[in-house]
Amino acid sequence: MIVVNAVIEASEENIDAMREAIAIMEKKSQAESGCHDYTFSIEMNDPTKIRITEKWESMADLEAHFREPHMADFQQAMGAHPPKSVVANFFEATEIPGPGQ
């Protein structure tokens, strides 16, 4: 499994302006083949930071995601409302049962 943890830092105004693009990106990404999770969230203690958590079956599925039209649309929306920074970390992971499972 491929896990992506990304942080977008932007002004609250730019985040508000991107809410529709974020909602579309989240919904369409969740429907993609190989996607186990794709979630945007705004940090409780810092409303200028958006976290994106993704889980993909394989790197091939993630690479296919990057070629989707909704990814290009999202990139265009971010270009219209530029973030201060974007940091993405990619991990190869094996899911294990948690305590008590």
PDB file of N, CA and C in Angstrom:
ATOM      1  N   MET A   1       0.856  -1.177   0.000  1.00  0.00           N
ATOM      2  CA  MET A   1       0.000   0.000   0.000  1.00  0.00           C
ATOM      3  C   MET A   1       0.899   1.236   0.000  1.00  0.00           C
ATOM      4  N   ILE A   2       0.488   2.243  -0.751  1.00  0.00           N
ATOM      5  CA  ILE A   2       1.183   3.515  -0.798  1.00  0.00           C
ATOM      6  C   ILE A   2       0.365   4.525   0.017  1.00  0.00           C
ATOM      7  N   VAL A   3       1.017   5.197   0.953  1.00  0.00           N
ATOM      8  CA  VAL A   3       0.373   6.204   1.785  1.00  0.00           C
ATOM      9  C   VAL A   3       1.000   7.550   1.456  1.00  0.00           C
ATOM     10  N   VAL A   4       0.147   8.543   1.249  1.00  0.00           N
ATOM     11  CA  VAL A   4       0.605   9.899   0.972  1.00  0.00           C
ATOM     12  C   VAL A   4       0.107  10.796   2.095  1.00  0.00           C
ATOM     13  N   ASN A   5       1.015  11.596   2.628  1.00  0.00           N
ATOM     14  CA  ASN A   5       0.664  12.586   3.644  1.00  0.00           C
ATOM     15  C   ASN A   5       1.164  13.914   3.100  1.00  0.00           C
ATOM     16  N   ALA A   6       0.235  14.795   2.748  1.00  0.00           N
ATOM     17  CA  ALA A   6       0.602  16.083   2.160  1.00  0.00           C
ATOM     18  C   ALA A   6       0.043  17.221   3.007  1.00  0.00           C
ATOM     19  N   VAL A   7       0.740  18.347   2.976  1.00  0.00           N
ATOM     20  CA  VAL A   7       0.291  19.548   3.680  1.00  0.00           C
ATOM     21  C   VAL A   7       0.364  20.708   2.704  1.00  0.00           C
ATOM     22  N   ILE A   8      -0.759  21.393   2.568  1.00  0.00           N
ATOM     23  CA  ILE A   8      -0.820  22.620   1.775  1.00  0.00           C
ATOM     24  C   ILE A   8      -1.014  23.762   2.755  1.00  0.00           C
ATOM     25  N   GLU A   9      -0.125  24.738   2.696  1.00  0.00           N
ATOM     26  CA  GLU A   9      -0.280  25.930   3.529  1.00  0.00           C
ATOM     27  C   GLU A   9      -0.738  27.067   2.622  1.00  0.00           C
ATOM     28  N   ALA A  10      -1.847  27.695   2.985  1.00  0.00           N
ATOM     29  CA  ALA A  10      -2.424  28.774   2.178  1.00  0.00           C
ATOM     30  C   ALA A  10      -3.177  29.727   3.090  1.00  0.00           C
ATOM     31  N   SER A  11      -3.510  30.873   2.562  1.00  0.00           N
ATOM     32  CA  SER A  11      -4.316  31.807   3.353  1.00  0.00           C
ATOM     33  C   SER A  11      -5.717  31.230   3.524  1.00  0.00           C
ATOM     34  N   GLU A  12      -6.376  31.638   4.585  1.00  0.00           N
ATOM     35  CA  GLU A  12      -7.752  31.188   4.803  1.00  0.00           C
ATOM     36  C   GLU A  12      -8.646  31.597   3.635  1.00  0.00           C
ATOM     37  N   GLU A  13      -8.388  32.756   3.036  1.00  0.00           N
ATOM     38  CA  GLU A  13      -9.178  33.228   1.890  1.00  0.00           C
ATOM     39  C   GLU A  13      -8.990  32.303   0.688  1.00  0.00           C
ATOM     40  N   ASN A  14      -7.747  31.891   0.426  1.00  0.00           N
ATOM     41  CA  ASN A  14      -7.510  30.984  -0.696  1.00  0.00           C
ATOM     42  C   ASN A  14      -8.105  29.604  -0.441  1.00  0.00           C
ATOM     43  N   ILE A  15      -8.054  29.157   0.791  1.00  0.00           N
ATOM     44  CA  ILE A  15      -8.678  27.870   1.127  1.00  0.00           C
ATOM     45  C   ILE A  15     -10.181  27.960   0.895  1.00  0.00           C
ATOM     46  N   ASP A  16     -10.811  29.035   1.363  1.00  0.00           N
ATOM     47  CA  ASP A  16     -12.254  29.209   1.137  1.00  0.00           C
ATOM     48  C   ASP A  16     -12.572  29.234  -0.351  1.00  0.00           C
ATOM     49  N   ALA A  17     -11.737  29.903  -1.142  1.00  0.00           N
ATOM     50  CA  ALA A  17     -11.969  29.999  -2.585  1.00  0.00           C
ATOM     51  C   ALA A  17     -11.822  28.646  -3.270  1.00  0.00           C
ATOM     52  N   MET A  18     -11.090  27.719  -2.655  1.00  0.00           N
ATOM     53  CA  MET A  18     -10.852  26.410  -3.270  1.00  0.00           C
ATOM     54  C   MET A  18     -11.765  25.308  -2.752  1.00  0.00           C
ATOM     55  N   ARG A  19     -12.687  25.631  -1.865  1.00  0.00           N
ATOM     56  CA  ARG A  19     -13.516  24.582  -1.245  1.00  0.00           C
ATOM     57  C   ARG A  19     -14.232  23.699  -2.267  1.00  0.00           C
ATOM     58  N   GLU A  20     -14.795  24.293  -3.303  1.00  0.00           N
ATOM     59  CA  GLU A  20     -15.490  23.486  -4.311  1.00  0.00           C
ATOM     60  C   GLU A  20     -14.514  22.575  -5.048  1.00  0.00           C
ATOM     61  N   ALA A  21     -13.362  23.116  -5.436  1.00  0.00           N
ATOM     62  CA  ALA A  21     -12.346  22.308  -6.131  1.00  0.00           C
ATOM     63  C   ALA A  21     -11.849  21.173  -5.232  1.00  0.00           C
ATOM     64  N   ILE A  22     -11.685  21.450  -3.948  1.00  0.00           N
ATOM     65  CA  ILE A  22     -11.256  20.433  -2.988  1.00  0.00           C
ATOM     66  C   ILE A  22     -12.309  19.334  -2.889  1.00  0.00           C
ATOM     67  N   ALA A  23     -13.569  19.710  -2.771  1.00  0.00           N
ATOM     68  CA  ALA A  23     -14.650  18.726  -2.643  1.00  0.00           C
ATOM     69  C   ALA A  23     -14.724  17.829  -3.880  1.00  0.00           C
ATOM     70  N   ILE A  24     -14.592  18.419  -5.056  1.00  0.00           N
ATOM     71  CA  ILE A  24     -14.632  17.641  -6.297  1.00  0.00           C
ATOM     72  C   ILE A  24     -13.432  16.699  -6.358  1.00  0.00           C
ATOM     73  N   MET A  25     -12.257  17.218  -6.043  1.00  0.00           N
ATOM     74  CA  MET A  25     -11.045  16.399  -6.075  1.00  0.00           C
ATOM     75  C   MET A  25     -11.160  15.213  -5.128  1.00  0.00           C
ATOM     76  N   GLU A  26     -11.646  15.463  -3.923  1.00  0.00           N
ATOM     77  CA  GLU A  26     -11.783  14.399  -2.933  1.00  0.00           C
ATOM     78  C   GLU A  26     -12.756  13.324  -3.432  1.00  0.00           C
ATOM     79  N   LYS A  27     -13.914  13.738  -3.896  1.00  0.00           N
ATOM     80  CA  LYS A  27     -14.942  12.783  -4.325  1.00  0.00           C
ATOM     81  C   LYS A  27     -14.480  11.960  -5.529  1.00  0.00           C
ATOM     82  N   LYS A  28     -13.923  12.622  -6.538  1.00  0.00           N
ATOM     83  CA  LYS A  28     -13.494  11.903  -7.742  1.00  0.00           C
ATOM     84  C   LYS A  28     -12.299  10.995  -7.460  1.00  0.00           C
ATOM     85  N   SER A  29     -11.403  11.437  -6.606  1.00  0.00           N
ATOM     86  CA  SER A  29     -10.242  10.610  -6.268  1.00  0.00           C
ATOM     87  C   SER A  29     -10.674   9.366  -5.510  1.00  0.00           C
ATOM     88  N   GLN A  30     -11.628   9.502  -4.600  1.00  0.00           N
ATOM     89  CA  GLN A  30     -12.111   8.357  -3.830  1.00  0.00           C
ATOM     90  C   GLN A  30     -12.743   7.299  -4.727  1.00  0.00           C
ATOM     91  N   ALA A  31     -13.236   7.688  -5.894  1.00  0.00           N
ATOM     92  CA  ALA A  31     -13.884   6.758  -6.821  1.00  0.00           C
ATOM     93  C   ALA A  31     -12.887   6.062  -7.753  1.00  0.00           C
ATOM     94  N   GLU A  32     -11.629   6.460  -7.709  1.00  0.00           N
ATOM     95  CA  GLU A  32     -10.632   5.881  -8.612  1.00  0.00           C
ATOM     96  C   GLU A  32     -10.275   4.453  -8.205  1.00  0.00           C
ATOM     97  N   SER A  33      -9.885   3.679  -9.209  1.00  0.00           N
ATOM     98  CA  SER A  33      -9.416   2.317  -8.978  1.00  0.00           C
ATOM     99  C   SER A  33      -8.165   2.352  -8.109  1.00  0.00           C
ATOM    100  N   GLY A  34      -8.146   1.514  -7.089  1.00  0.00           N
ATOM    101  CA  GLY A  34      -6.974   1.413  -6.222  1.00  0.00           C
ATOM    102  C   GLY A  34      -6.931   2.404  -5.082  1.00  0.00           C
ATOM    103  N   CYS A  35      -7.912   3.302  -5.000  1.00  0.00           N
ATOM    104  CA  CYS A  35      -7.935   4.286  -3.919  1.00  0.00           C
ATOM    105  C   CYS A  35      -8.667   3.712  -2.709  1.00  0.00           C
ATOM    106  N   HIS A  36      -7.973   3.660  -1.590  1.00  0.00           N
ATOM    107  CA  HIS A  36      -8.577   3.190  -0.340  1.00  0.00           C
ATOM    108  C   HIS A  36      -8.998   4.362   0.543  1.00  0.00           C
ATOM    109  N   ASP A  37      -8.355   5.518   0.360  1.00  0.00           N
ATOM    110  CA  ASP A  37      -8.716   6.714   1.137  1.00  0.00           C
ATOM    111  C   ASP A  37      -8.134   7.929   0.441  1.00  0.00           C
ATOM    112  N   TYR A  38      -8.907   9.006   0.439  1.00  0.00           N
ATOM    113  CA  TYR A  38      -8.433  10.283  -0.103  1.00  0.00           C
ATOM    114  C   TYR A  38      -9.227  11.354   0.617  1.00  0.00           C
ATOM    115  N   THR A  39      -8.598  12.002   1.577  1.00  0.00           N
ATOM    116  CA  THR A  39      -9.317  12.914   2.451  1.00  0.00           C
ATOM    117  C   THR A  39      -8.547  14.213   2.660  1.00  0.00           C
ATOM    118  N   PHE A  40      -9.248  15.321   2.485  1.00  0.00           N
ATOM    119  CA  PHE A  40      -8.714  16.639   2.828  1.00  0.00           C
ATOM    120  C   PHE A  40      -9.227  16.997   4.216  1.00  0.00           C
ATOM    121  N   SER A  41      -8.404  17.670   5.013  1.00  0.00           N
ATOM    122  CA  SER A  41      -8.863  18.195   6.301  1.00  0.00           C
ATOM    123  C   SER A  41      -8.090  19.471   6.607  1.00  0.00           C
ATOM    124  N   ILE A  42      -8.734  20.349   7.334  1.00  0.00           N
ATOM    125  CA  ILE A  42      -8.090  21.587   7.772  1.00  0.00           C
ATOM    126  C   ILE A  42      -7.701  21.403   9.235  1.00  0.00           C
ATOM    127  N   GLU A  43      -6.479  21.768   9.558  1.00  0.00           N
ATOM    128  CA  GLU A  43      -6.006  21.596  10.925  1.00  0.00           C
ATOM    129  C   GLU A  43      -6.838  22.430  11.893  1.00  0.00           C
ATOM    130  N   MET A  44      -7.196  21.836  13.003  1.00  0.00           N
ATOM    131  CA  MET A  44      -8.010  22.507  14.018  1.00  0.00           C
ATOM    132  C   MET A  44      -7.312  23.733  14.600  1.00  0.00           C
ATOM    133  N   ASN A  45      -6.008  23.617  14.822  1.00  0.00           N
ATOM    134  CA  ASN A  45      -5.267  24.698  15.477  1.00  0.00           C
ATOM    135  C   ASN A  45      -4.536  25.617  14.509  1.00  0.00           C
ATOM    136  N   ASP A  46      -4.678  25.354  13.213  1.00  0.00           N
ATOM    137  CA  ASP A  46      -4.053  26.224  12.215  1.00  0.00           C
ATOM    138  C   ASP A  46      -4.875  26.165  10.928  1.00  0.00           C
ATOM    139  N   PRO A  47      -5.877  27.022  10.797  1.00  0.00           N
ATOM    140  CA  PRO A  47      -6.777  26.972   9.638  1.00  0.00           C
ATOM    141  C   PRO A  47      -6.140  27.399   8.318  1.00  0.00           C
ATOM    142  N   THR A  48      -4.820  27.618   8.329  1.00  0.00           N
ATOM    143  CA  THR A  48      -4.117  27.907   7.079  1.00  0.00           C
ATOM    144  C   THR A  48      -3.428  26.654   6.524  1.00  0.00           C
ATOM    145  N   LYS A  49      -3.622  25.516   7.178  1.00  0.00           N
ATOM    146  CA  LYS A  49      -3.005  24.264   6.734  1.00  0.00           C
ATOM    147  C   LYS A  49      -4.065  23.220   6.402  1.00  0.00           C
ATOM    148  N   ILE A  50      -3.965  22.704   5.196  1.00  0.00           N
ATOM    149  CA  ILE A  50      -4.811  21.609   4.734  1.00  0.00           C
ATOM    150  C   ILE A  50      -3.945  20.355   4.718  1.00  0.00           C
ATOM    151  N   ARG A  51      -4.460  19.295   5.260  1.00  0.00           N
ATOM    152  CA  ARG A  51      -3.779  17.997   5.189  1.00  0.00           C
ATOM    153  C   ARG A  51      -4.534  17.117   4.196  1.00  0.00           C
ATOM    154  N   ILE A  52      -3.768  16.395   3.409  1.00  0.00           N
ATOM    155  CA  ILE A  52      -4.336  15.423   2.482  1.00  0.00           C
ATOM    156  C   ILE A  52      -3.776  14.067   2.867  1.00  0.00           C
ATOM    157  N   THR A  53      -4.664  13.127   3.151  1.00  0.00           N
ATOM    158  CA  THR A  53      -4.269  11.768   3.487  1.00  0.00           C
ATOM    159  C   THR A  53      -4.772  10.860   2.373  1.00  0.00           C
ATOM    160  N   GLU A  54      -3.874  10.090   1.815  1.00  0.00           N
ATOM    161  CA  GLU A  54      -4.223   9.193   0.714  1.00  0.00           C
ATOM    162  C   GLU A  54      -3.683   7.795   1.003  1.00  0.00           C
ATOM    163  N   LYS A  55      -4.448   6.781   0.578  1.00  0.00           N
ATOM    164  CA  LYS A  55      -3.987   5.392   0.614  1.00  0.00           C
ATOM    165  C   LYS A  55      -4.315   4.786  -0.745  1.00  0.00           C
ATOM    166  N   TRP A  56      -3.289   4.244  -1.388  1.00  0.00           N
ATOM    167  CA  TRP A  56      -3.423   3.650  -2.718  1.00  0.00           C
ATOM    168  C   TRP A  56      -2.955   2.207  -2.689  1.00  0.00           C
ATOM    169  N   GLU A  57      -3.620   1.370  -3.442  1.00  0.00           N
ATOM    170  CA  GLU A  57      -3.262  -0.044  -3.532  1.00  0.00           C
ATOM    171  C   GLU A  57      -1.829  -0.217  -4.035  1.00  0.00           C
ATOM    172  N   SER A  58      -1.429   0.609  -5.013  1.00  0.00           N
ATOM    173  CA  SER A  58      -0.097   0.456  -5.610  1.00  0.00           C
ATOM    174  C   SER A  58       0.411   1.796  -6.133  1.00  0.00           C
ATOM    175  N   MET A  59       1.689   1.837  -6.428  1.00  0.00           N
ATOM    176  CA  MET A  59       2.282   3.028  -7.030  1.00  0.00           C
ATOM    177  C   MET A  59       1.686   3.257  -8.418  1.00  0.00           C
ATOM    178  N   ALA A  60       1.371   2.189  -9.135  1.00  0.00           N
ATOM    179  CA  ALA A  60       0.743   2.333 -10.456  1.00  0.00           C
ATOM    180  C   ALA A  60      -0.602   3.046 -10.343  1.00  0.00           C
ATOM    181  N   ASP A  61      -1.375   2.728  -9.299  1.00  0.00           N
ATOM    182  CA  ASP A  61      -2.656   3.408  -9.087  1.00  0.00           C
ATOM    183  C   ASP A  61      -2.443   4.886  -8.778  1.00  0.00           C
ATOM    184  N   LEU A  62      -1.448   5.196  -7.972  1.00  0.00           N
ATOM    185  CA  LEU A  62      -1.144   6.593  -7.648  1.00  0.00           C
ATOM    186  C   LEU A  62      -0.682   7.345  -8.897  1.00  0.00           C
ATOM    187  N   GLU A  63       0.163   6.714  -9.698  1.00  0.00           N
ATOM    188  CA  GLU A  63       0.630   7.360 -10.929  1.00  0.00           C
ATOM    189  C   GLU A  63      -0.531   7.611 -11.888  1.00  0.00           C
ATOM    190  N   ALA A  64      -1.475   6.675 -11.972  1.00  0.00           N
ATOM    191  CA  ALA A  64      -2.665   6.865 -12.805  1.00  0.00           C
ATOM    192  C   ALA A  64      -3.487   8.045 -12.281  1.00  0.00           C
ATOM    193  N   HIS A  65      -3.562   8.188 -10.974  1.00  0.00           N
ATOM    194  CA  HIS A  65      -4.277   9.305 -10.342  1.00  0.00           C
ATOM    195  C   HIS A  65      -3.714  10.649 -10.814  1.00  0.00           C
ATOM    196  N   PHE A  66      -2.391  10.727 -10.913  1.00  0.00           N
ATOM    197  CA  PHE A  66      -1.762  11.983 -11.340  1.00  0.00           C
ATOM    198  C   PHE A  66      -2.147  12.373 -12.771  1.00  0.00           C
ATOM    199  N   ARG A  67      -2.589  11.405 -13.573  1.00  0.00           N
ATOM    200  CA  ARG A  67      -2.965  11.673 -14.967  1.00  0.00           C
ATOM    201  C   ARG A  67      -4.457  11.940 -15.150  1.00  0.00           C
ATOM    202  N   GLU A  68      -5.229  11.875 -14.089  1.00  0.00           N
ATOM    203  CA  GLU A  68      -6.685  12.083 -14.177  1.00  0.00           C
ATOM    204  C   GLU A  68      -7.022  13.544 -14.477  1.00  0.00           C
ATOM    205  N   PRO A  69      -8.091  13.788 -15.245  1.00  0.00           N
ATOM    206  CA  PRO A  69      -8.498  15.167 -15.539  1.00  0.00           C
ATOM    207  C   PRO A  69      -8.795  15.990 -14.287  1.00  0.00           C
ATOM    208  N   HIS A  70      -9.364  15.365 -13.257  1.00  0.00           N
ATOM    209  CA  HIS A  70      -9.668  16.134 -12.043  1.00  0.00           C
ATOM    210  C   HIS A  70      -8.393  16.577 -11.326  1.00  0.00           C
ATOM    211  N   MET A  71      -7.281  15.876 -11.525  1.00  0.00           N
ATOM    212  CA  MET A  71      -6.006  16.337 -10.961  1.00  0.00           C
ATOM    213  C   MET A  71      -5.568  17.618 -11.675  1.00  0.00           C
ATOM    214  N   ALA A  72      -5.698  17.648 -12.981  1.00  0.00           N
ATOM    215  CA  ALA A  72      -5.352  18.857 -13.741  1.00  0.00           C
ATOM    216  C   ALA A  72      -6.258  20.018 -13.346  1.00  0.00           C
ATOM    217  N   ASP A  73      -7.549  19.737 -13.161  1.00  0.00           N
ATOM    218  CA  ASP A  73      -8.484  20.786 -12.740  1.00  0.00           C
ATOM    219  C   ASP A  73      -8.109  21.333 -11.366  1.00  0.00           C
ATOM    220  N   PHE A  74      -7.722  20.433 -10.454  1.00  0.00           N
ATOM    221  CA  PHE A  74      -7.334  20.857  -9.111  1.00  0.00           C
ATOM    222  C   PHE A  74      -6.061  21.698  -9.163  1.00  0.00           C
ATOM    223  N   GLN A  75      -5.096  21.274  -9.971  1.00  0.00           N
ATOM    224  CA  GLN A  75      -3.858  22.038 -10.116  1.00  0.00           C
ATOM    225  C   GLN A  75      -4.150  23.433 -10.672  1.00  0.00           C
ATOM    226  N   GLN A  76      -5.089  23.521 -11.590  1.00  0.00           N
ATOM    227  CA  GLN A  76      -5.477  24.822 -12.148  1.00  0.00           C
ATOM    228  C   GLN A  76      -6.099  25.703 -11.056  1.00  0.00           C
ATOM    229  N   ALA A  77      -6.956  25.119 -10.223  1.00  0.00           N
ATOM    230  CA  ALA A  77      -7.572  25.873  -9.122  1.00  0.00           C
ATOM    231  C   ALA A  77      -6.505  26.351  -8.142  1.00  0.00           C
ATOM    232  N   MET A  78      -5.524  25.491  -7.856  1.00  0.00           N
ATOM    233  CA  MET A  78      -4.440  25.921  -6.954  1.00  0.00           C
ATOM    234  C   MET A  78      -3.619  27.033  -7.591  1.00  0.00           C
ATOM    235  N   GLY A  79      -3.435  26.976  -8.897  1.00  0.00           N
ATOM    236  CA  GLY A  79      -2.708  28.034  -9.584  1.00  0.00           C
ATOM    237  C   GLY A  79      -3.421  29.373  -9.498  1.00  0.00           C
ATOM    238  N   ALA A  80      -4.755  29.331  -9.496  1.00  0.00           N
ATOM    239  CA  ALA A  80      -5.547  30.558  -9.384  1.00  0.00           C
ATOM    240  C   ALA A  80      -5.552  31.102  -7.958  1.00  0.00           C
ATOM    241  N   HIS A  81      -5.266  30.235  -6.991  1.00  0.00           N
ATOM    242  CA  HIS A  81      -5.237  30.602  -5.564  1.00  0.00           C
ATOM    243  C   HIS A  81      -3.969  30.002  -4.955  1.00  0.00           C
ATOM    244  N   PRO A  82      -2.812  30.556  -5.305  1.00  0.00           N
ATOM    245  CA  PRO A  82      -1.538  29.912  -4.970  1.00  0.00           C
ATOM    246  C   PRO A  82      -1.323  29.694  -3.470  1.00  0.00           C
ATOM    247  N   PRO A  83      -0.890  28.488  -3.131  1.00  0.00           N
ATOM    248  CA  PRO A  83      -0.548  28.220  -1.735  1.00  0.00           C
ATOM    249  C   PRO A  83       0.808  28.820  -1.394  1.00  0.00           C
ATOM    250  N   LYS A  84       1.053  28.957  -0.095  1.00  0.00           N
ATOM    251  CA  LYS A  84       2.371  29.401   0.368  1.00  0.00           C
ATOM    252  C   LYS A  84       3.380  28.277   0.204  1.00  0.00           C
ATOM    253  N   SER A  85       2.918  27.038   0.455  1.00  0.00           N
ATOM    254  CA  SER A  85       3.802  25.881   0.312  1.00  0.00           C
ATOM    255  C   SER A  85       2.972  24.612   0.146  1.00  0.00           C
ATOM    256  N   VAL A  86       3.603  23.623  -0.462  1.00  0.00           N
ATOM    257  CA  VAL A  86       3.030  22.285  -0.593  1.00  0.00           C
ATOM    258  C   VAL A  86       4.157  21.299  -0.303  1.00  0.00           C
ATOM    259  N   VAL A  87       3.918  20.393   0.640  1.00  0.00           N
ATOM    260  CA  VAL A  87       4.878  19.354   0.970  1.00  0.00           C
ATOM    261  C   VAL A  87       4.137  18.024   0.927  1.00  0.00           C
ATOM    262  N   ALA A  88       4.679  17.069   0.192  1.00  0.00           N
ATOM    263  CA  ALA A  88       4.053  15.742   0.115  1.00  0.00           C
ATOM    264  C   ALA A  88       5.106  14.682   0.427  1.00  0.00           C
ATOM    265  N   ASN A  89       4.719  13.746   1.280  1.00  0.00           N
ATOM    266  CA  ASN A  89       5.573  12.610   1.625  1.00  0.00           C
ATOM    267  C   ASN A  89       4.868  11.332   1.209  1.00  0.00           C
ATOM    268  N   PHE A  90       5.636  10.417   0.620  1.00  0.00           N
ATOM    269  CA  PHE A  90       5.099   9.164   0.107  1.00  0.00           C
ATOM    270  C   PHE A  90       5.747   8.012   0.865  1.00  0.00           C
ATOM    271  N   PHE A  91       4.914   7.033   1.275  1.00  0.00           N
ATOM    272  CA  PHE A  91       5.402   5.910   2.058  1.00  0.00           C
ATOM    273  C   PHE A  91       4.861   4.609   1.483  1.00  0.00           C
ATOM    274  N   GLU A  92       5.682   3.586   1.507  1.00  0.00           N
ATOM    275  CA  GLU A  92       5.204   2.240   1.214  1.00  0.00           C
ATOM    276  C   GLU A  92       4.946   1.595   2.564  1.00  0.00           C
ATOM    277  N   ALA A  93       3.740   1.084   2.769  1.00  0.00           N
ATOM    278  CA  ALA A  93       3.358   0.606   4.092  1.00  0.00           C
ATOM    279  C   ALA A  93       2.611  -0.718   4.015  1.00  0.00           C
ATOM    280  N   THR A  94       2.692  -1.447   5.091  1.00  0.00           N
ATOM    281  CA  THR A  94       1.923  -2.665   5.274  1.00  0.00           C
ATOM    282  C   THR A  94       0.985  -2.421   6.444  1.00  0.00           C
ATOM    283  N   GLU A  95      -0.298  -2.617   6.235  1.00  0.00           N
ATOM    284  CA  GLU A  95      -1.252  -2.399   7.310  1.00  0.00           C
ATOM    285  C   GLU A  95      -1.214  -3.574   8.263  1.00  0.00           C
ATOM    286  N   ILE A  96      -1.200  -3.250   9.560  1.00  0.00           N
ATOM    287  CA  ILE A  96      -1.197  -4.282  10.593  1.00  0.00           C
ATOM    288  C   ILE A  96      -2.378  -4.031  11.529  1.00  0.00           C
ATOM    289  N   PRO A  97      -2.872  -5.064  12.187  1.00  0.00           N
ATOM    290  CA  PRO A  97      -3.979  -4.852  13.120  1.00  0.00           C
ATOM    291  C   PRO A  97      -3.549  -4.003  14.305  1.00  0.00           C
ATOM    292  N   GLY A  98      -4.430  -3.118  14.733  1.00  0.00           N
ATOM    293  CA  GLY A  98      -4.170  -2.314  15.915  1.00  0.00           C
ATOM    294  C   GLY A  98      -4.413  -3.113  17.179  1.00  0.00           C
ATOM    295  N   PRO A  99      -4.093  -2.532  18.326  1.00  0.00           N
ATOM    296  CA  PRO A  99      -4.328  -3.209  19.600  1.00  0.00           C
ATOM    297  C   PRO A  99      -5.791  -3.600  19.749  1.00  0.00           C
ATOM    298  N   GLY A 100      -6.010  -4.837  20.195  1.00  0.00           N
ATOM    299  CA  GLY A 100      -7.375  -5.300  20.445  1.00  0.00           C
ATOM    300  C   GLY A 100      -8.126  -5.736  19.192  1.00  0.00           C
ATOM    301  N   GLN A 101      -7.478  -5.730  18.024  1.00  0.00           N
ATOM    302  CA  GLN A 101      -8.176  -6.157  16.793  1.00  0.00           C
ATOM    303  C   GLN A 101      -7.880  -7.598  16.483  1.00  0.00           C
TER     304      GLN A 101
END
